Amino acid sequence: MRPDGAITIREAAAPLEVAAFGGLISEYVAWCRERYRNDPWLVEMAFSHQGLDAELLNLTELYAPPNGRMLIAEDAHEILGGVAYRRIDRNTCEMKRLFVRSAANGRGLGRKLCEALMQTAGRDGFRTMRLDTTRDMVEAVGLYRSFGFRDAAPFADYPERMRPMMLFMARDLEGA
């Protein structure tokens, strides 16, 4: 890998890039299964509730303009991570599927991807970005809070068993 300065973040638009983004989502699911190996029901319930199988078949419809954008981070043509947003309404979008491969941890890619996504969504005219995560994803929660995301009222109806574990956050995109 080249030095951190060689990392590029760009939109996944071509079919192979979209497929690579889908591959990152699949890796993220596997990572979640490992992280929550003592609570496998949580991962299965979460991704089933979110319609993951349908999502993977419809990435372009969900996350490509005008409904959203997918960003990927690369180093020497190796895709190291990605993130997306999807349109909720005229002013609001939702961050989805932030993931950095373990081999690229410690390079600040999660931060760079979040920053690029917020800037992109702001340029696209969105005023608010929201997201959800589990409360014990402390690394992600810390990252989101460092960008000014604050706790928000639930905006998705998760199964009752999951609700105590979920954290909803939002932030204004002005100045992002």
N, C-alpha and C. Protein backbone atom coordinates (compact mmCIF):
# COMPACT_ATOMS: atom_id res chain seq x y z
N MET A 1 0.83 -1.19 0.00
CA MET A 1 0.00 0.00 0.00
C MET A 1 0.87 1.24 0.00
N ARG A 2 0.37 2.26 -0.61
CA ARG A 2 1.08 3.53 -0.66
C ARG A 2 0.79 4.32 0.60
N PRO A 3 1.49 5.44 0.81
CA PRO A 3 1.22 6.28 1.98
C PRO A 3 -0.22 6.77 2.00
N ASP A 4 -0.70 7.17 3.19
CA ASP A 4 -2.09 7.62 3.35
C ASP A 4 -2.46 8.70 2.36
N GLY A 5 -1.54 9.54 1.95
CA GLY A 5 -1.84 10.62 1.03
C GLY A 5 -2.30 10.11 -0.33
N ALA A 6 -2.05 8.83 -0.64
CA ALA A 6 -2.42 8.27 -1.93
C ALA A 6 -3.86 7.76 -1.95
N ILE A 7 -4.54 7.78 -0.84
CA ILE A 7 -5.91 7.30 -0.78
C ILE A 7 -6.80 8.25 -1.56
N THR A 8 -7.65 7.68 -2.39
CA THR A 8 -8.64 8.48 -3.10
C THR A 8 -10.03 8.02 -2.68
N ILE A 9 -10.92 8.99 -2.59
CA ILE A 9 -12.32 8.70 -2.31
C ILE A 9 -13.10 9.23 -3.49
N ARG A 10 -13.91 8.35 -4.06
CA ARG A 10 -14.68 8.74 -5.24
C ARG A 10 -16.01 8.01 -5.25
N GLU A 11 -16.87 8.51 -6.11
CA GLU A 11 -18.20 7.91 -6.23
C GLU A 11 -18.10 6.58 -6.96
N ALA A 12 -18.83 5.60 -6.46
CA ALA A 12 -18.96 4.31 -7.14
C ALA A 12 -20.13 4.46 -8.12
N ALA A 13 -19.82 4.49 -9.39
CA ALA A 13 -20.85 4.72 -10.40
C ALA A 13 -20.88 3.63 -11.46
N ALA A 14 -19.72 3.18 -11.91
CA ALA A 14 -19.65 2.14 -12.94
C ALA A 14 -20.12 0.81 -12.35
N PRO A 15 -20.64 -0.08 -13.17
CA PRO A 15 -21.15 -1.36 -12.66
C PRO A 15 -20.16 -2.13 -11.79
N LEU A 16 -18.89 -2.17 -12.16
CA LEU A 16 -17.91 -2.90 -11.34
C LEU A 16 -17.69 -2.22 -9.99
N GLU A 17 -17.75 -0.90 -9.96
CA GLU A 17 -17.60 -0.17 -8.70
C GLU A 17 -18.80 -0.41 -7.79
N VAL A 18 -19.99 -0.43 -8.38
CA VAL A 18 -21.20 -0.71 -7.59
C VAL A 18 -21.14 -2.13 -7.05
N ALA A 19 -20.68 -3.06 -7.87
CA ALA A 19 -20.53 -4.44 -7.41
C ALA A 19 -19.51 -4.52 -6.27
N ALA A 20 -18.42 -3.76 -6.38
CA ALA A 20 -17.42 -3.74 -5.31
C ALA A 20 -18.02 -3.16 -4.03
N PHE A 21 -18.86 -2.15 -4.15
CA PHE A 21 -19.54 -1.60 -2.98
C PHE A 21 -20.43 -2.67 -2.34
N GLY A 22 -21.13 -3.41 -3.16
CA GLY A 22 -21.94 -4.52 -2.65
C GLY A 22 -21.08 -5.55 -1.93
N GLY A 23 -19.89 -5.81 -2.47
CA GLY A 23 -18.96 -6.72 -1.81
C GLY A 23 -18.54 -6.22 -0.44
N LEU A 24 -18.34 -4.90 -0.33
CA LEU A 24 -18.02 -4.31 0.98
C LEU A 24 -19.16 -4.51 1.97
N ILE A 25 -20.39 -4.37 1.50
CA ILE A 25 -21.54 -4.59 2.39
C ILE A 25 -21.55 -6.04 2.87
N SER A 26 -21.28 -6.97 1.98
CA SER A 26 -21.23 -8.38 2.38
C SER A 26 -20.11 -8.63 3.40
N GLU A 27 -18.95 -7.98 3.21
CA GLU A 27 -17.87 -8.09 4.20
C GLU A 27 -18.30 -7.48 5.53
N TYR A 28 -19.03 -6.38 5.48
CA TYR A 28 -19.52 -5.73 6.69
C TYR A 28 -20.44 -6.68 7.46
N VAL A 29 -21.31 -7.37 6.75
CA VAL A 29 -22.22 -8.32 7.40
C VAL A 29 -21.41 -9.42 8.07
N ALA A 30 -20.40 -9.95 7.39
CA ALA A 30 -19.54 -10.99 7.98
C ALA A 30 -18.82 -10.44 9.21
N TRP A 31 -18.34 -9.19 9.13
CA TRP A 31 -17.68 -8.55 10.27
C TRP A 31 -18.65 -8.43 11.44
N CYS A 32 -19.89 -8.05 11.17
CA CYS A 32 -20.91 -7.95 12.23
C CYS A 32 -21.19 -9.30 12.85
N ARG A 33 -21.25 -10.33 12.03
CA ARG A 33 -21.48 -11.68 12.57
C ARG A 33 -20.36 -12.09 13.53
N GLU A 34 -19.13 -11.72 13.19
CA GLU A 34 -18.01 -12.02 14.08
C GLU A 34 -18.09 -11.17 15.35
N ARG A 35 -18.35 -9.89 15.20
CA ARG A 35 -18.41 -9.00 16.36
C ARG A 35 -19.52 -9.43 17.33
N TYR A 36 -20.64 -9.84 16.80
CA TYR A 36 -21.79 -10.21 17.62
C TYR A 36 -21.97 -11.73 17.68
N ARG A 37 -20.88 -12.46 17.65
CA ARG A 37 -20.98 -13.92 17.64
C ARG A 37 -21.70 -14.46 18.87
N ASN A 38 -21.71 -13.71 19.98
CA ASN A 38 -22.44 -14.16 21.16
C ASN A 38 -23.91 -13.77 21.12
N ASP A 39 -24.29 -12.93 20.17
CA ASP A 39 -25.68 -12.51 19.98
C ASP A 39 -26.04 -12.61 18.49
N PRO A 40 -25.94 -13.80 17.90
CA PRO A 40 -26.18 -13.92 16.46
C PRO A 40 -27.58 -13.47 16.05
N TRP A 41 -28.54 -13.58 16.94
CA TRP A 41 -29.91 -13.16 16.63
C TRP A 41 -29.95 -11.68 16.23
N LEU A 42 -29.09 -10.86 16.85
CA LEU A 42 -29.10 -9.42 16.58
C LEU A 42 -28.74 -9.14 15.12
N VAL A 43 -27.69 -9.76 14.64
CA VAL A 43 -27.25 -9.53 13.26
C VAL A 43 -28.31 -10.03 12.28
N GLU A 44 -28.79 -11.22 12.51
CA GLU A 44 -29.78 -11.78 11.59
C GLU A 44 -31.07 -10.96 11.60
N MET A 45 -31.51 -10.55 12.77
CA MET A 45 -32.73 -9.75 12.88
C MET A 45 -32.54 -8.38 12.23
N ALA A 46 -31.41 -7.76 12.48
CA ALA A 46 -31.17 -6.42 11.93
C ALA A 46 -31.15 -6.44 10.41
N PHE A 47 -30.35 -7.31 9.83
CA PHE A 47 -30.24 -7.30 8.37
C PHE A 47 -31.48 -7.86 7.69
N SER A 48 -32.17 -8.77 8.35
CA SER A 48 -33.44 -9.25 7.81
C SER A 48 -34.47 -8.12 7.83
N HIS A 49 -34.53 -7.40 8.95
CA HIS A 49 -35.47 -6.28 9.07
C HIS A 49 -35.17 -5.19 8.04
N GLN A 50 -33.90 -4.96 7.76
CA GLN A 50 -33.51 -3.93 6.81
C GLN A 50 -33.63 -4.38 5.35
N GLY A 51 -33.98 -5.64 5.13
CA GLY A 51 -34.13 -6.14 3.77
C GLY A 51 -32.81 -6.19 3.02
N LEU A 52 -31.77 -6.72 3.66
CA LEU A 52 -30.43 -6.72 3.07
C LEU A 52 -30.37 -7.43 1.72
N ASP A 53 -31.03 -8.56 1.58
CA ASP A 53 -30.96 -9.29 0.31
C ASP A 53 -31.49 -8.43 -0.84
N ALA A 54 -32.62 -7.78 -0.62
CA ALA A 54 -33.19 -6.89 -1.65
C ALA A 54 -32.28 -5.69 -1.88
N GLU A 55 -31.68 -5.17 -0.81
CA GLU A 55 -30.76 -4.04 -0.94
C GLU A 55 -29.60 -4.38 -1.85
N LEU A 56 -29.00 -5.54 -1.65
CA LEU A 56 -27.85 -5.94 -2.46
C LEU A 56 -28.20 -6.12 -3.93
N LEU A 57 -29.45 -6.45 -4.20
CA LEU A 57 -29.89 -6.60 -5.58
C LEU A 57 -30.26 -5.27 -6.23
N ASN A 58 -30.42 -4.22 -5.43
CA ASN A 58 -30.91 -2.93 -5.92
C ASN A 58 -30.03 -1.77 -5.49
N LEU A 59 -28.73 -1.96 -5.42
CA LEU A 59 -27.84 -0.90 -4.95
C LEU A 59 -27.97 0.38 -5.76
N THR A 60 -28.04 0.26 -7.06
CA THR A 60 -28.12 1.46 -7.90
C THR A 60 -29.42 2.21 -7.65
N GLU A 61 -30.52 1.50 -7.53
CA GLU A 61 -31.80 2.17 -7.29
C GLU A 61 -31.82 2.86 -5.93
N LEU A 62 -31.19 2.26 -4.94
CA LEU A 62 -31.20 2.81 -3.58
C LEU A 62 -30.18 3.92 -3.37
N TYR A 63 -28.99 3.75 -3.93
CA TYR A 63 -27.87 4.61 -3.55
C TYR A 63 -27.23 5.41 -4.68
N ALA A 64 -27.77 5.34 -5.88
CA ALA A 64 -27.22 6.15 -6.97
C ALA A 64 -28.14 7.34 -7.20
N PRO A 65 -27.61 8.42 -7.78
CA PRO A 65 -28.45 9.60 -8.04
C PRO A 65 -29.69 9.21 -8.85
N PRO A 66 -30.83 9.78 -8.57
CA PRO A 66 -31.06 10.90 -7.64
C PRO A 66 -31.39 10.46 -6.22
N ASN A 67 -31.33 9.14 -5.95
CA ASN A 67 -31.73 8.63 -4.63
C ASN A 67 -30.62 8.59 -3.61
N GLY A 68 -29.38 8.78 -4.02
CA GLY A 68 -28.27 8.75 -3.08
C GLY A 68 -26.95 8.71 -3.81
N ARG A 69 -25.92 8.35 -3.08
CA ARG A 69 -24.58 8.20 -3.65
C ARG A 69 -23.82 7.14 -2.85
N MET A 70 -22.94 6.45 -3.54
CA MET A 70 -22.04 5.48 -2.92
C MET A 70 -20.62 6.00 -3.11
N LEU A 71 -19.84 6.02 -2.04
CA LEU A 71 -18.44 6.43 -2.12
C LEU A 71 -17.56 5.25 -1.75
N ILE A 72 -16.43 5.15 -2.44
CA ILE A 72 -15.44 4.13 -2.12
C ILE A 72 -14.09 4.79 -1.89
N ALA A 73 -13.31 4.19 -1.00
CA ALA A 73 -11.94 4.64 -0.73
C ALA A 73 -11.00 3.61 -1.32
N GLU A 74 -10.00 4.11 -2.06
CA GLU A 74 -9.05 3.24 -2.74
C GLU A 74 -7.62 3.65 -2.43
N ASP A 75 -6.76 2.67 -2.50
CA ASP A 75 -5.32 2.90 -2.45
C ASP A 75 -4.72 1.94 -3.48
N ALA A 76 -4.07 2.50 -4.48
CA ALA A 76 -3.44 1.69 -5.54
C ALA A 76 -4.45 0.71 -6.15
N HIS A 77 -5.65 1.19 -6.43
CA HIS A 77 -6.73 0.42 -7.06
C HIS A 77 -7.27 -0.69 -6.17
N GLU A 78 -6.92 -0.68 -4.90
CA GLU A 78 -7.50 -1.62 -3.95
C GLU A 78 -8.58 -0.89 -3.15
N ILE A 79 -9.79 -1.39 -3.19
CA ILE A 79 -10.89 -0.77 -2.47
C ILE A 79 -10.79 -1.16 -1.00
N LEU A 80 -10.69 -0.14 -0.16
CA LEU A 80 -10.47 -0.35 1.27
C LEU A 80 -11.70 -0.09 2.13
N GLY A 81 -12.67 0.65 1.61
CA GLY A 81 -13.85 0.97 2.39
C GLY A 81 -14.87 1.70 1.55
N GLY A 82 -16.03 1.91 2.17
CA GLY A 82 -17.08 2.62 1.48
C GLY A 82 -18.16 3.10 2.42
N VAL A 83 -19.02 3.94 1.88
CA VAL A 83 -20.16 4.48 2.62
C VAL A 83 -21.15 4.99 1.58
N ALA A 84 -22.39 5.12 1.99
CA ALA A 84 -23.42 5.62 1.08
C ALA A 84 -24.39 6.50 1.84
N TYR A 85 -25.18 7.25 1.09
CA TYR A 85 -26.35 7.88 1.67
C TYR A 85 -27.53 7.60 0.75
N ARG A 86 -28.70 7.62 1.35
CA ARG A 86 -29.92 7.50 0.56
C ARG A 86 -30.86 8.63 0.94
N ARG A 87 -31.59 9.09 -0.05
CA ARG A 87 -32.55 10.18 0.13
C ARG A 87 -33.72 9.69 0.98
N ILE A 88 -34.08 10.50 1.97
CA ILE A 88 -35.28 10.23 2.75
C ILE A 88 -36.39 11.16 2.28
N ASP A 89 -36.08 12.44 2.19
CA ASP A 89 -36.99 13.43 1.63
C ASP A 89 -36.15 14.55 1.03
N ARG A 90 -36.78 15.61 0.64
CA ARG A 90 -36.08 16.69 -0.06
C ARG A 90 -34.89 17.25 0.72
N ASN A 91 -34.99 17.27 2.05
CA ASN A 91 -33.97 17.88 2.89
C ASN A 91 -33.14 16.89 3.70
N THR A 92 -33.54 15.64 3.73
CA THR A 92 -32.94 14.67 4.66
C THR A 92 -32.42 13.44 3.92
N CYS A 93 -31.23 13.02 4.32
CA CYS A 93 -30.67 11.78 3.81
C CYS A 93 -30.18 10.94 4.99
N GLU A 94 -29.92 9.68 4.72
CA GLU A 94 -29.47 8.76 5.76
C GLU A 94 -28.15 8.13 5.35
N MET A 95 -27.15 8.20 6.25
CA MET A 95 -25.88 7.52 6.03
C MET A 95 -26.11 6.02 6.19
N LYS A 96 -25.53 5.26 5.27
CA LYS A 96 -25.68 3.81 5.30
C LYS A 96 -24.35 3.13 5.01
N ARG A 97 -24.16 2.01 5.66
CA ARG A 97 -23.13 1.03 5.33
C ARG A 97 -21.68 1.52 5.36
N LEU A 98 -21.36 2.37 6.34
CA LEU A 98 -19.96 2.76 6.51
C LEU A 98 -19.17 1.52 6.92
N PHE A 99 -18.12 1.22 6.16
CA PHE A 99 -17.29 0.06 6.47
C PHE A 99 -15.90 0.27 5.92
N VAL A 100 -14.91 -0.05 6.74
CA VAL A 100 -13.50 -0.03 6.33
C VAL A 100 -12.94 -1.43 6.60
N ARG A 101 -12.30 -2.00 5.61
CA ARG A 101 -11.72 -3.32 5.78
C ARG A 101 -10.69 -3.30 6.91
N SER A 102 -10.63 -4.38 7.65
CA SER A 102 -9.73 -4.48 8.80
C SER A 102 -8.28 -4.19 8.43
N ALA A 103 -7.86 -4.60 7.25
CA ALA A 103 -6.48 -4.37 6.82
C ALA A 103 -6.15 -2.89 6.70
N ALA A 104 -7.16 -2.05 6.60
CA ALA A 104 -6.93 -0.61 6.44
C ALA A 104 -7.22 0.17 7.72
N ASN A 105 -7.50 -0.52 8.81
CA ASN A 105 -7.76 0.17 10.07
C ASN A 105 -6.56 1.01 10.49
N GLY A 106 -6.84 2.11 11.16
CA GLY A 106 -5.78 2.97 11.66
C GLY A 106 -5.31 4.01 10.66
N ARG A 107 -5.93 4.09 9.51
CA ARG A 107 -5.53 5.04 8.49
C ARG A 107 -6.48 6.23 8.39
N GLY A 108 -7.48 6.27 9.27
CA GLY A 108 -8.41 7.39 9.27
C GLY A 108 -9.42 7.34 8.14
N LEU A 109 -9.63 6.17 7.55
CA LEU A 109 -10.53 6.07 6.41
C LEU A 109 -11.99 6.27 6.79
N GLY A 110 -12.40 5.78 7.95
CA GLY A 110 -13.77 6.01 8.39
C GLY A 110 -14.07 7.50 8.47
N ARG A 111 -13.14 8.23 9.05
CA ARG A 111 -13.29 9.69 9.17
C ARG A 111 -13.32 10.34 7.78
N LYS A 112 -12.42 9.93 6.90
CA LYS A 112 -12.37 10.52 5.56
C LYS A 112 -13.63 10.21 4.77
N LEU A 113 -14.14 8.99 4.89
CA LEU A 113 -15.36 8.62 4.19
C LEU A 113 -16.56 9.41 4.71
N CYS A 114 -16.67 9.53 6.04
CA CYS A 114 -17.78 10.30 6.62
C CYS A 114 -17.73 11.75 6.16
N GLU A 115 -16.56 12.33 6.22
CA GLU A 115 -16.41 13.73 5.83
C GLU A 115 -16.78 13.92 4.35
N ALA A 116 -16.29 13.05 3.49
CA ALA A 116 -16.61 13.15 2.06
C ALA A 116 -18.10 12.96 1.81
N LEU A 117 -18.73 12.03 2.54
CA LEU A 117 -20.16 11.79 2.35
C LEU A 117 -20.98 13.00 2.79
N MET A 118 -20.63 13.59 3.93
CA MET A 118 -21.37 14.76 4.40
C MET A 118 -21.21 15.93 3.43
N GLN A 119 -20.00 16.13 2.92
CA GLN A 119 -19.78 17.21 1.94
C GLN A 119 -20.58 16.96 0.67
N THR A 120 -20.58 15.72 0.21
CA THR A 120 -21.33 15.37 -1.00
C THR A 120 -22.82 15.59 -0.80
N ALA A 121 -23.35 15.12 0.32
CA ALA A 121 -24.78 15.28 0.59
C ALA A 121 -25.14 16.76 0.72
N GLY A 122 -24.28 17.55 1.36
CA GLY A 122 -24.51 18.98 1.46
C GLY A 122 -24.54 19.64 0.10
N ARG A 123 -23.58 19.29 -0.77
CA ARG A 123 -23.56 19.82 -2.13
C ARG A 123 -24.79 19.39 -2.92
N ASP A 124 -25.32 18.22 -2.59
CA ASP A 124 -26.52 17.71 -3.27
C ASP A 124 -27.80 18.36 -2.73
N GLY A 125 -27.66 19.26 -1.77
CA GLY A 125 -28.81 20.03 -1.29
C GLY A 125 -29.47 19.53 -0.02
N PHE A 126 -28.91 18.49 0.60
CA PHE A 126 -29.51 17.99 1.83
C PHE A 126 -29.11 18.87 3.00
N ARG A 127 -30.02 19.06 3.92
CA ARG A 127 -29.74 19.89 5.09
C ARG A 127 -29.52 19.06 6.35
N THR A 128 -30.00 17.83 6.35
CA THR A 128 -29.87 16.98 7.53
C THR A 128 -29.45 15.58 7.10
N MET A 129 -28.51 15.01 7.87
CA MET A 129 -28.12 13.61 7.68
C MET A 129 -28.44 12.87 8.96
N ARG A 130 -28.99 11.70 8.81
CA ARG A 130 -29.29 10.87 9.97
C ARG A 130 -28.66 9.50 9.78
N LEU A 131 -28.62 8.73 10.86
CA LEU A 131 -28.07 7.38 10.80
C LEU A 131 -28.57 6.60 12.00
N ASP A 132 -28.42 5.29 11.93
CA ASP A 132 -28.64 4.47 13.11
C ASP A 132 -27.51 3.47 13.22
N THR A 133 -27.25 3.06 14.44
CA THR A 133 -26.21 2.08 14.74
C THR A 133 -26.58 1.40 16.04
N THR A 134 -25.81 0.41 16.44
CA THR A 134 -26.06 -0.18 17.75
C THR A 134 -25.26 0.60 18.79
N ARG A 135 -25.79 0.66 19.99
CA ARG A 135 -25.17 1.43 21.07
C ARG A 135 -23.76 0.96 21.41
N ASP A 136 -23.49 -0.33 21.22
CA ASP A 136 -22.17 -0.82 21.61
C ASP A 136 -21.15 -0.77 20.47
N MET A 137 -21.48 -0.18 19.36
CA MET A 137 -20.48 0.09 18.31
C MET A 137 -19.77 1.39 18.70
N VAL A 138 -19.03 1.31 19.79
CA VAL A 138 -18.48 2.51 20.41
C VAL A 138 -17.53 3.28 19.49
N GLU A 139 -16.79 2.57 18.64
CA GLU A 139 -15.89 3.26 17.72
C GLU A 139 -16.69 4.12 16.75
N ALA A 140 -17.74 3.55 16.20
CA ALA A 140 -18.58 4.29 15.24
C ALA A 140 -19.29 5.44 15.94
N VAL A 141 -19.85 5.17 17.11
CA VAL A 141 -20.57 6.23 17.83
C VAL A 141 -19.62 7.39 18.14
N GLY A 142 -18.41 7.08 18.58
CA GLY A 142 -17.42 8.13 18.85
C GLY A 142 -17.09 8.93 17.59
N LEU A 143 -16.94 8.26 16.47
CA LEU A 143 -16.67 8.94 15.20
C LEU A 143 -17.83 9.87 14.85
N TYR A 144 -19.05 9.36 14.93
CA TYR A 144 -20.21 10.18 14.58
C TYR A 144 -20.33 11.38 15.51
N ARG A 145 -20.12 11.17 16.79
CA ARG A 145 -20.21 12.30 17.73
C ARG A 145 -19.12 13.34 17.43
N SER A 146 -17.94 12.89 17.00
CA SER A 146 -16.87 13.84 16.69
C SER A 146 -17.23 14.72 15.49
N PHE A 147 -18.15 14.28 14.67
CA PHE A 147 -18.64 15.06 13.54
C PHE A 147 -19.89 15.87 13.89
N GLY A 148 -20.30 15.83 15.14
CA GLY A 148 -21.45 16.62 15.54
C GLY A 148 -22.79 15.92 15.46
N PHE A 149 -22.79 14.62 15.22
CA PHE A 149 -24.05 13.89 15.26
C PHE A 149 -24.52 13.85 16.71
N ARG A 150 -25.81 14.05 16.90
CA ARG A 150 -26.42 14.02 18.23
C ARG A 150 -27.51 12.96 18.25
N ASP A 151 -27.82 12.49 19.45
CA ASP A 151 -28.91 11.53 19.60
C ASP A 151 -30.19 12.12 19.03
N ALA A 152 -30.98 11.28 18.39
CA ALA A 152 -32.22 11.72 17.76
C ALA A 152 -33.33 10.72 18.10
N ALA A 153 -34.53 11.17 17.92
CA ALA A 153 -35.68 10.28 18.11
C ALA A 153 -35.61 9.16 17.08
N PRO A 154 -36.09 7.98 17.44
CA PRO A 154 -36.08 6.87 16.47
C PRO A 154 -36.83 7.26 15.20
N PHE A 155 -36.24 6.91 14.06
CA PHE A 155 -36.88 7.19 12.79
C PHE A 155 -37.15 5.91 12.00
N ALA A 156 -36.79 4.77 12.58
CA ALA A 156 -37.07 3.48 11.97
C ALA A 156 -37.68 2.59 13.05
N ASP A 157 -38.57 1.75 12.64
CA ASP A 157 -39.28 0.90 13.58
C ASP A 157 -38.64 -0.49 13.59
N TYR A 158 -37.67 -0.68 14.46
CA TYR A 158 -37.02 -1.97 14.59
C TYR A 158 -37.86 -2.90 15.46
N PRO A 159 -37.64 -4.20 15.32
CA PRO A 159 -38.35 -5.15 16.20
C PRO A 159 -38.10 -4.82 17.67
N GLU A 160 -39.08 -5.07 18.49
CA GLU A 160 -39.03 -4.68 19.92
C GLU A 160 -37.77 -5.20 20.62
N ARG A 161 -37.36 -6.40 20.31
CA ARG A 161 -36.18 -6.97 20.96
C ARG A 161 -34.92 -6.15 20.67
N MET A 162 -34.85 -5.49 19.51
CA MET A 162 -33.67 -4.73 19.11
C MET A 162 -33.67 -3.29 19.64
N ARG A 163 -34.84 -2.75 19.90
CA ARG A 163 -34.95 -1.32 20.21
C ARG A 163 -34.01 -0.83 21.30
N PRO A 164 -33.84 -1.54 22.41
CA PRO A 164 -32.93 -1.03 23.44
C PRO A 164 -31.48 -0.95 22.98
N MET A 165 -31.13 -1.68 21.94
CA MET A 165 -29.75 -1.71 21.47
C MET A 165 -29.45 -0.65 20.41
N MET A 166 -30.49 -0.03 19.87
CA MET A 166 -30.32 0.89 18.74
C MET A 166 -30.09 2.32 19.20
N LEU A 167 -29.28 3.03 18.44
CA LEU A 167 -29.01 4.45 18.67
C LEU A 167 -29.28 5.19 17.36
N PHE A 168 -30.08 6.22 17.44
CA PHE A 168 -30.42 7.04 16.29
C PHE A 168 -29.73 8.38 16.46
N MET A 169 -29.14 8.89 15.39
CA MET A 169 -28.40 10.13 15.44
C MET A 169 -28.70 10.97 14.21
N ALA A 170 -28.47 12.28 14.34
CA ALA A 170 -28.67 13.19 13.21
C ALA A 170 -27.77 14.40 13.38
N ARG A 171 -27.51 15.08 12.28
CA ARG A 171 -26.76 16.34 12.33
C ARG A 171 -27.15 17.21 11.14
N ASP A 172 -26.97 18.50 11.36
CA ASP A 172 -27.19 19.49 10.31
C ASP A 172 -26.01 19.43 9.36
N LEU A 173 -26.24 19.55 8.07
CA LEU A 173 -25.15 19.49 7.10
C LEU A 173 -24.62 20.86 6.69
N GLU A 174 -25.21 21.92 7.16
CA GLU A 174 -24.66 23.24 6.84
C GLU A 174 -23.26 23.34 7.36
N GLY A 175 -22.34 23.73 6.50
CA GLY A 175 -20.95 23.86 6.89
C GLY A 175 -20.17 22.56 6.89
N ALA A 176 -20.81 21.49 6.41
CA ALA A 176 -20.12 20.18 6.41
C ALA A 176 -18.99 20.18 5.40
